[in-house]
Protein backbone atom coordinates (compact mmCIF):
# COMPACT_ATOMS: atom_id res chain seq x y z
CA MET A 1 72.75 -70.25 -17.36
CA LYS A 2 73.62 -73.54 -15.65
CA LYS A 3 76.76 -72.07 -14.12
CA LEU A 4 74.89 -69.04 -12.76
CA LEU A 5 72.16 -71.27 -11.30
CA VAL A 6 74.64 -73.44 -9.42
CA ILE A 7 76.36 -70.36 -8.01
CA VAL A 8 73.03 -68.99 -6.75
CA ILE A 9 72.21 -72.29 -5.02
CA ALA A 10 75.65 -72.41 -3.39
CA LEU A 11 75.27 -68.88 -2.04
CA VAL A 12 71.89 -69.70 -0.47
CA PHE A 13 73.34 -72.81 1.14
CA PHE A 14 76.38 -70.96 2.45
CA SER A 15 74.26 -68.14 3.91
CA LEU A 16 72.06 -70.50 5.97
CA GLN A 17 75.03 -72.53 7.16
CA ALA A 18 76.74 -69.34 8.34
CA GLN A 19 73.68 -68.40 10.43
CA LEU A 20 73.42 -71.82 12.03
CA ASP A 21 77.19 -72.10 12.58
CA GLN A 22 77.09 -69.20 15.04
CA TYR A 23 75.46 -71.48 17.62
CA TRP A 24 76.11 -75.01 16.37
CA ILE A 25 79.20 -76.04 18.35
CA ALA A 26 81.08 -79.15 17.23
CA PRO A 27 82.04 -81.62 19.98
CA PRO A 28 85.62 -81.89 21.30
CA TYR A 29 87.83 -84.76 20.17
CA TYR A 30 86.80 -87.09 23.00
CA ILE A 31 83.04 -86.78 22.36
CA LYS A 32 81.89 -89.12 19.61
CA THR A 33 78.73 -90.42 17.91
CA VAL A 34 76.52 -87.48 18.82
CA LYS A 35 73.03 -88.48 17.66
CA LEU A 36 69.81 -86.46 17.77
CA ASP A 37 66.86 -87.71 15.76
CA ASP A 38 63.40 -89.31 15.76
CA GLY A 39 64.78 -92.80 16.33
CA LYS A 40 63.54 -94.14 13.01
CA THR A 41 65.59 -96.46 10.81
CA PRO A 42 67.10 -96.58 8.31
CA LYS A 43 66.67 -92.85 7.74
CA ALA A 44 66.61 -91.09 11.10
CA SER A 45 65.75 -87.39 10.90
CA PRO A 46 66.28 -84.28 13.06
CA ILE A 47 62.93 -82.94 11.80
CA ILE A 48 60.37 -84.30 14.28
CA GLU A 49 56.65 -83.85 14.91
CA LEU A 50 55.84 -81.94 18.11
CA GLY A 51 54.91 -84.32 20.93
CA TYR A 52 56.90 -87.23 19.52
CA PRO A 53 60.16 -88.28 21.20
CA VAL A 54 63.52 -86.70 20.51
CA TYR A 55 66.35 -89.18 21.09
CA PHE A 56 69.73 -87.70 21.99
CA SER A 57 72.93 -89.57 22.85
CA PHE A 58 76.71 -89.38 22.72
CA ASP A 59 79.84 -91.20 23.90
CA ASP A 60 82.65 -89.79 26.04
CA LEU A 61 85.91 -91.59 25.24
CA GLN A 62 87.51 -90.40 28.45
CA ALA A 63 85.31 -93.11 29.97
CA ASP A 64 84.79 -91.45 33.33
CA GLU A 65 81.43 -90.32 34.71
CA LYS A 66 81.02 -86.56 34.45
CA GLU A 67 78.19 -84.34 35.66
CA TYR A 68 77.11 -83.16 32.24
CA SER A 69 73.92 -81.14 31.97
CA TYR A 70 71.75 -80.19 29.01
CA LYS A 71 69.93 -77.03 28.03
CA ILE A 72 67.12 -76.57 25.49
CA VAL A 73 67.41 -73.30 23.55
CA ARG A 74 64.81 -72.05 21.07
CA PHE A 75 65.62 -70.17 17.82
CA ASP A 76 63.65 -68.44 15.08
CA GLU A 77 63.42 -69.61 11.48
CA ASN A 78 66.79 -67.98 10.67
CA TRP A 79 68.57 -69.60 13.64
CA GLN A 80 68.66 -66.45 15.72
CA PRO A 81 67.87 -66.77 19.47
CA THR A 82 64.22 -66.36 20.46
CA ARG A 83 62.98 -63.50 22.63
CA LEU A 84 60.71 -65.83 24.57
CA ASN A 85 61.30 -66.76 28.17
CA GLU A 86 62.11 -70.42 28.75
CA SER A 87 58.80 -70.89 30.61
CA GLU A 88 56.93 -69.94 27.44
CA TYR A 89 58.27 -72.86 25.41
CA ILE A 90 59.22 -75.39 28.12
CA ASP A 91 56.97 -77.19 30.60
CA GLY A 92 59.30 -78.02 33.47
CA PHE A 93 62.99 -77.27 33.24
CA ALA A 94 64.92 -76.12 30.17
CA SER A 95 68.13 -77.28 31.91
CA ASP A 96 68.85 -80.45 33.87
CA TYR A 97 71.56 -83.02 34.50
CA LEU A 98 72.09 -86.00 32.21
CA THR A 99 71.37 -88.99 34.42
CA ASP A 100 71.00 -91.89 31.97
CA ILE A 101 74.66 -92.96 31.94
CA VAL A 102 76.06 -96.39 31.01
CA GLN A 103 79.66 -97.65 30.70
CA SER A 104 80.79 -99.59 27.63
CA THR A 105 81.31 -103.32 28.04
CA GLY A 106 83.65 -105.70 26.20
CA THR A 107 85.20 -103.03 23.98
CA ILE A 108 88.84 -102.20 23.29
CA GLN A 109 88.02 -98.49 23.39
CA SER A 110 86.32 -97.73 26.69
CA TYR A 111 83.67 -95.00 26.74
CA THR A 112 80.75 -93.65 28.72
CA HIS A 113 77.40 -93.53 26.93
CA TYR A 114 74.98 -90.68 27.77
CA ARG A 115 71.31 -90.74 26.74
CA LEU A 116 68.42 -88.30 26.87
CA LYS A 117 64.82 -88.60 25.71
CA ILE A 118 62.49 -85.62 25.37
CA PRO A 119 59.79 -85.31 26.59
CA ASN A 120 60.71 -86.69 30.00
CA ASP A 121 59.52 -86.19 33.59
CA ASN A 122 61.38 -82.88 33.90
CA THR A 123 61.28 -81.38 30.40
CA ARG A 124 58.56 -81.06 27.77
CA ILE A 125 58.72 -78.73 24.78
CA LEU A 126 55.47 -76.80 24.24
CA LEU A 127 56.00 -74.98 20.93
CA SER A 128 57.07 -75.99 17.45
CA GLY A 129 60.13 -74.31 16.01
CA ASN A 130 63.90 -74.53 15.72
CA TYR A 131 65.76 -75.83 18.77
CA MET A 132 69.24 -76.63 19.97
CA ILE A 133 70.27 -79.08 22.67
CA GLN A 134 73.39 -77.77 24.36
CA VAL A 135 75.58 -80.00 26.53
CA LEU A 136 77.30 -78.15 29.37
CA ASP A 137 80.41 -79.32 31.17
CA GLU A 138 80.89 -79.39 34.93
CA ASP A 139 81.81 -75.68 34.90
CA GLY A 140 78.55 -74.76 33.15
CA GLU A 141 80.26 -73.98 29.82
CA VAL A 142 78.69 -75.15 26.56
CA LEU A 143 80.76 -78.12 25.39
CA PHE A 144 78.85 -78.83 22.16
CA SER A 145 75.37 -78.52 20.70
CA LYS A 146 73.00 -80.19 18.26
CA PRO A 147 70.05 -78.62 16.34
CA PHE A 148 66.63 -80.04 15.50
CA ILE A 149 63.24 -78.87 14.23
CA TYR A 150 59.87 -79.52 15.87
CA TYR A 151 56.86 -79.18 13.52
CA GLU A 152 53.06 -79.28 13.76
CA LYS A 153 50.54 -80.30 11.08
CA LYS A 154 48.23 -77.30 10.99
CA VAL A 155 48.44 -77.10 7.19
CA ASN A 156 49.12 -79.84 4.68
CA VAL A 157 51.99 -79.70 2.21
CA GLY A 158 52.13 -81.66 -1.03
CA VAL A 159 55.59 -82.20 -2.53
CA GLN A 160 56.71 -83.55 -5.91
CA VAL A 161 60.17 -83.98 -7.41
CA LYS A 162 60.27 -83.24 -11.15
CA TRP A 163 62.63 -82.95 -14.06
CA PRO A 164 63.70 -79.32 -14.54
CA ASN A 165 61.89 -77.43 -17.29
CA ASN A 166 65.17 -76.30 -18.82
CA VAL A 167 66.52 -79.06 -21.08
CA GLY A 168 70.07 -78.07 -20.21
CA MET A 169 69.43 -78.87 -16.52
CA LYS A 170 67.79 -82.27 -16.92
CA ASP A 171 70.95 -84.34 -16.72
CA ARG A 172 72.08 -83.15 -13.30
CA LEU A 173 69.42 -81.14 -11.40
CA GLN A 174 66.17 -82.00 -9.61
CA MET A 175 63.26 -79.55 -9.30
CA VAL A 176 60.95 -79.53 -6.27
CA ASP A 177 57.33 -78.41 -6.70
CA PHE A 178 55.16 -78.02 -3.62
CA VAL A 179 51.67 -76.89 -2.68
CA LEU A 180 50.47 -75.51 0.65
CA TYR A 181 46.89 -76.57 1.43
CA LYS A 182 45.57 -73.99 3.88
CA SER A 183 42.41 -75.99 4.72
CA GLY A 184 40.80 -73.01 6.46
CA PHE A 185 43.94 -71.99 8.36
CA THR A 186 44.34 -68.19 8.14
CA ILE A 187 47.69 -66.91 6.88
CA MET A 188 48.16 -63.15 6.72
CA ASN A 189 50.79 -61.16 4.83
CA GLU A 190 52.65 -64.20 3.53
CA ASN A 191 55.42 -62.12 1.91
CA GLU A 192 56.73 -61.11 5.33
CA ASN A 193 55.35 -63.71 7.74
CA LEU A 194 55.55 -67.02 5.87
CA THR A 195 58.72 -68.97 5.04
CA LEU A 196 58.87 -72.38 3.40
CA LYS A 197 62.24 -74.13 3.61
CA VAL A 198 63.19 -77.05 1.38
CA PHE A 199 65.82 -79.50 2.66
CA GLN A 200 67.60 -82.26 0.76
CA ASN A 201 68.16 -85.54 2.65
CA ASN A 202 67.14 -83.94 5.98
CA ASP A 203 70.32 -81.86 6.11
CA ILE A 204 69.04 -78.90 8.12
CA GLY A 205 72.27 -76.98 7.62
CA TYR A 206 71.19 -76.09 4.07
CA SER A 207 67.88 -75.04 2.54
CA LEU A 208 66.18 -73.14 -0.24
CA ASP A 209 63.73 -70.55 1.15
CA PHE A 210 60.45 -69.34 -0.32
CA HIS A 211 57.84 -66.77 0.77
CA GLN A 212 55.43 -65.70 -1.99
CA PRO A 213 53.53 -68.49 -3.81
CA ALA A 214 53.89 -68.49 -7.58
CA PHE A 215 50.09 -68.47 -7.85
CA TYR A 216 46.92 -69.17 -5.86
CA GLN A 217 44.11 -71.68 -6.43
CA GLY A 218 41.66 -70.95 -3.62
CA ASP A 219 43.03 -72.61 -0.49
CA GLN A 220 45.90 -74.10 -2.50
CA TRP A 221 49.03 -72.00 -2.65
CA VAL A 222 51.29 -73.28 -5.41
CA TYR A 223 55.07 -72.89 -5.25
CA HIS A 224 56.30 -73.53 -8.76
CA TYR A 225 59.73 -71.97 -9.29
CA PRO A 226 61.52 -73.80 -12.13
CA GLN A 227 64.62 -71.59 -11.92
CA LYS A 228 64.98 -71.46 -8.14
CA ALA A 229 63.52 -74.62 -6.59
CA VAL A 230 66.27 -76.84 -7.96
CA PHE A 231 68.96 -78.94 -6.27
CA GLU A 232 72.00 -80.73 -7.58
CA GLY A 233 71.02 -84.38 -7.88
CA ILE A 234 74.57 -85.27 -6.73
CA ASN A 235 75.20 -89.03 -6.70
CA GLU A 236 74.22 -91.99 -4.57
CA PHE A 237 76.25 -91.97 -1.36
CA ARG A 238 79.28 -94.20 -1.10
CA ARG A 239 79.02 -96.77 1.68
CA PHE A 240 80.99 -99.09 3.93
CA GLU A 241 80.43 -101.02 7.12
CA THR A 242 82.53 -101.79 10.19
CA THR A 243 80.05 -104.14 11.81
CA ASP A 244 82.34 -107.17 12.15
CA VAL A 245 85.92 -106.91 13.45
CA ARG A 246 86.51 -110.57 12.53
CA GLY A 247 84.68 -111.14 9.25
CA TYR A 248 83.87 -109.48 5.92
CA ASN A 249 82.77 -105.84 5.81
CA TYR A 250 81.30 -104.22 2.69
CA GLY A 251 83.40 -101.35 1.31
CA ILE A 252 86.49 -102.27 3.33
CA ALA A 253 89.65 -103.31 1.46
CA HIS A 254 91.38 -104.70 4.52
CA LYS A 255 91.66 -104.27 8.27
CA GLU A 256 94.25 -104.87 10.97
CA LEU A 257 94.49 -104.83 14.74
CA ASN A 258 96.80 -102.30 16.35
CA ASP A 259 95.87 -100.33 19.48
CA LEU A 260 92.38 -100.36 17.95
CA TYR A 261 91.12 -101.98 14.77
CA ASP A 262 92.07 -100.10 11.60
CA PHE A 263 89.63 -100.37 8.68
CA TYR A 264 90.81 -99.23 5.23
CA THR A 265 88.18 -98.23 2.69
CA TYR A 266 88.90 -98.82 -1.00
CA PRO A 267 90.83 -95.91 -2.57
CA ALA A 268 88.37 -93.47 -4.12
CA ASP A 269 88.47 -91.45 -7.31
CA PHE A 270 86.24 -89.06 -9.25
CA ARG A 271 82.82 -90.43 -10.16
CA PHE A 272 81.92 -89.26 -13.67
CA HIS A 273 79.07 -91.71 -14.11
CA TYR A 274 75.90 -92.67 -12.25
CA LEU A 275 75.45 -96.14 -10.78
CA TYR A 276 72.22 -96.97 -8.98
CA TYR A 277 72.21 -98.75 -5.64
CA GLU A 278 70.13 -98.28 -2.52
CA ASP A 279 71.72 -95.94 -0.03
CA ILE A 280 70.26 -94.39 3.12
CA ASP A 281 70.80 -90.79 2.01
CA GLY A 282 73.88 -90.11 4.11
CA ASN A 283 72.69 -91.74 7.34
CA TYR A 284 74.40 -94.36 9.46
CA ILE A 285 73.02 -97.30 11.47
CA LEU A 286 74.88 -98.49 14.55
CA GLN A 287 75.49 -102.21 14.30
CA SER A 288 78.05 -104.70 15.62
CA GLU A 289 78.28 -108.46 15.24
CA GLN A 290 80.08 -108.44 18.60
CA ALA A 291 77.20 -106.67 20.40
CA PHE A 292 74.80 -109.20 21.91
CA ASP A 293 72.52 -107.05 24.09
CA ASN A 294 73.01 -103.32 23.47
CA VAL A 295 74.79 -101.86 20.46
CA ASP A 296 74.99 -98.46 22.18
CA THR A 297 77.41 -99.78 24.80
CA GLU A 298 78.87 -102.93 23.19
CA ALA A 299 79.86 -101.59 19.76
CA ASP A 300 83.55 -100.72 19.58
CA TYR A 301 85.37 -97.80 17.99
CA VAL A 302 87.62 -98.37 14.98
CA ASN A 303 89.92 -96.13 12.93
CA VAL A 304 88.47 -95.77 9.44
CA HIS A 305 91.03 -94.75 6.81
CA PHE A 306 89.79 -92.88 3.73
CA SER A 307 91.94 -92.24 0.67
CA PHE A 308 91.45 -90.45 -2.64
CA GLY A 309 93.69 -90.99 -5.67
CA GLY A 310 92.58 -88.11 -7.91
CA ILE A 311 94.30 -84.75 -8.33
CA LEU A 312 92.58 -81.63 -6.99
CA LYS A 313 92.75 -78.05 -8.19
CA ALA A 314 95.33 -75.83 -6.49
CA ASP A 315 92.77 -74.00 -4.32
CA GLU A 316 90.67 -77.05 -3.36
CA ARG A 317 90.58 -78.88 -0.03
CA LEU A 318 89.01 -82.33 0.23
CA PHE A 319 86.67 -83.61 2.97
CA VAL A 320 84.59 -86.67 3.79
CA ILE A 321 81.05 -86.01 5.03
CA GLY A 322 77.88 -87.83 6.07
CA ARG A 323 75.33 -87.82 8.86
CA PHE A 324 78.15 -88.98 11.16
CA ASN A 325 79.58 -85.43 11.05
CA ASP A 326 76.34 -83.58 10.23
CA PHE A 327 77.45 -83.20 6.58
CA ASN A 328 79.85 -80.57 7.90
CA PRO A 329 83.35 -80.49 6.32
CA THR A 330 85.42 -79.53 9.36
CA ASP A 331 89.19 -79.89 9.73
CA ASP A 332 88.96 -83.27 11.48
CA TYR A 333 87.54 -84.76 8.27
CA GLU A 334 89.97 -83.24 5.76
CA LEU A 335 92.01 -85.55 3.54
CA VAL A 336 95.60 -84.32 3.18
CA TRP A 337 98.21 -85.28 0.58
CA ASN A 338 100.60 -88.12 1.45
CA ASP A 339 103.78 -88.03 -0.67
CA GLU A 340 104.61 -91.65 0.13
CA THR A 341 101.33 -93.11 -1.12
CA GLY A 342 100.47 -90.44 -3.71
CA LYS A 343 96.97 -90.07 -2.26
CA TYR A 344 94.90 -87.77 -0.11
CA GLU A 345 94.23 -89.48 3.23
CA VAL A 346 92.49 -89.09 6.56
CA SER A 347 91.76 -91.39 9.51
CA VAL A 348 88.50 -90.97 11.41
CA LEU A 349 87.52 -92.69 14.66
CA LEU A 350 84.01 -94.10 14.19
CA LYS A 351 81.73 -96.44 16.10
CA GLN A 352 80.88 -99.78 14.52
CA ALA A 353 78.05 -99.19 12.06
CA TYR A 354 76.82 -99.14 8.49
CA TYR A 355 77.84 -95.75 7.00
CA ASP A 356 76.93 -93.63 3.99
CA TYR A 357 79.48 -91.00 2.99
CA MET A 358 80.70 -88.81 0.14
CA PHE A 359 83.59 -86.51 -0.70
CA VAL A 360 83.21 -82.74 -1.10
CA THR A 361 85.63 -79.91 -1.83
CA LYS A 362 85.98 -76.48 -0.30
CA ASN A 363 87.70 -73.55 -2.03
CA GLN A 364 89.74 -70.75 -0.48
CA ASP A 365 86.55 -68.70 0.05
CA GLY A 366 85.01 -71.50 2.10
CA GLU A 367 82.46 -72.43 -0.57
CA ILE A 368 81.51 -76.12 -0.55
CA ASP A 369 81.10 -78.06 -3.80
CA LEU A 370 79.09 -81.29 -3.49
CA THR A 371 79.66 -82.27 -7.11
CA ALA A 372 83.37 -81.79 -7.86
CA ILE A 373 84.23 -85.35 -6.80
CA GLU A 374 80.89 -87.19 -6.89
CA GLY A 375 79.35 -85.64 -10.01
CA SER A 376 75.66 -84.75 -10.22
CA PHE A 377 72.90 -86.80 -11.85
CA ALA A 378 69.16 -86.13 -12.03
CA GLN A 379 68.28 -89.82 -11.54
CA THR A 380 69.90 -89.98 -8.09
CA GLU A 381 67.54 -91.00 -5.28
CA ASN A 382 67.14 -88.15 -2.75
CA ASP A 383 64.64 -87.25 -0.03
CA TYR A 384 63.16 -83.74 0.01
CA THR A 385 61.39 -82.14 2.96
CA VAL A 386 59.38 -78.90 3.03
CA VAL A 387 58.92 -77.18 6.41
CA VAL A 388 56.48 -74.26 6.81
CA TYR A 389 57.32 -71.42 9.23
CA TYR A 390 54.68 -68.81 10.09
CA ARG A 391 54.70 -65.79 12.35
CA PRO A 392 51.27 -64.09 12.56
CA PRO A 393 51.23 -60.30 12.63
CA GLY A 394 51.99 -59.11 16.17
CA ALA A 395 53.18 -62.53 17.36
CA ARG A 396 56.37 -62.82 19.40
CA TYR A 397 57.61 -66.04 17.84
CA THR A 398 57.54 -68.15 14.68
CA SER A 399 55.84 -71.57 14.64
CA VAL A 400 56.37 -74.49 12.29
CA ILE A 401 52.86 -75.19 11.03
CA GLY A 402 53.39 -77.65 8.18
CA TYR A 403 55.54 -80.47 6.88
CA GLY A 404 55.70 -82.43 3.63
CA THR A 405 58.13 -84.85 2.05
CA ALA A 406 58.81 -86.61 -1.24
CA ASN A 407 61.42 -88.85 -2.78
CA SER A 408 63.00 -88.40 -6.20
CA ASN A 409 62.37 -92.06 -7.06
CA GLY A 410 59.02 -90.83 -8.39
CA ILE A 411 60.56 -88.03 -10.46
CA LYS A 412 58.31 -86.97 -13.33
């Protein structure tokens, strides 16, 4: 039963990622540190309350000053383009030039830093829902994009993380129970018009989706699905820092100065046991001991070298993921076998920061396994977020009407 359950979860994850991947365009090699979140630390999130600021930024390593522009595009709950006109969800302009531009100072790697805050004088988003910020080059072509979710609090959502009911699952899985408190808000035909998505660690590329409550208690709609509302507990994220090019850095075996600084993480292996320590659930925090005024423009870029000493299965490929690459195992983050060292290795150019990361595998069918390297343990600390999508009968768009969150530290 456990094997079947894990396969079902993986298929749901893969399906949602495939829908989002149609429009989520990764940046080219010279665009780095693309951030879009609520600006909170240490756990910044791309799931943001409507009316609160969205902070968007990136670096261009070509270090010139280009006329980049941005465009706000709205999507439905399944990441398909909306049928609304831009004027229906934007007050002002959905497209405009990026004008907050600053050059790096005192760094070995020169870059141009671009920033955008929404709402601003020219753009304000009117409706909750799924959105994408697209960055367009000087020819008007989409260079890359970044998704986020705007929500409203029209209904309340209570969330709890529990031990699975099945004894065989308790060692490695976490179950999420949640309740929708309607509080007088009218919801019609929930089977077709209501979708509740559950995200782990604010990774909006993957979710479990629910429509029909398990049962009703007046205005409380209870979603109790012991066999479906379960996630792999995975493991605490690995971590390292590159904050000081001169002194000690946690998680770094050694470093050296070449064209840029090269930081070498400790060689990794399979993790067959759980060890508690406080992580930031895959996030990263920009930080540099050499930045005195503004880390955005004074932090340098360093080459971070990852290595893995275990042996993979014949059809497995190995990747490093975290918030720094949107938890997305793309080719740039694949570790490849090095005959000379007898390890899988990859070098990634990253801005000075504190980083969480983990290793995942992908098979020949493109299916991602979060547990093959890291293991999976029910006591792992994870954040869970429930987002409520509703499209009333006859409406032309879906709104996000509710939001709730819980942490597995309080698992019961």
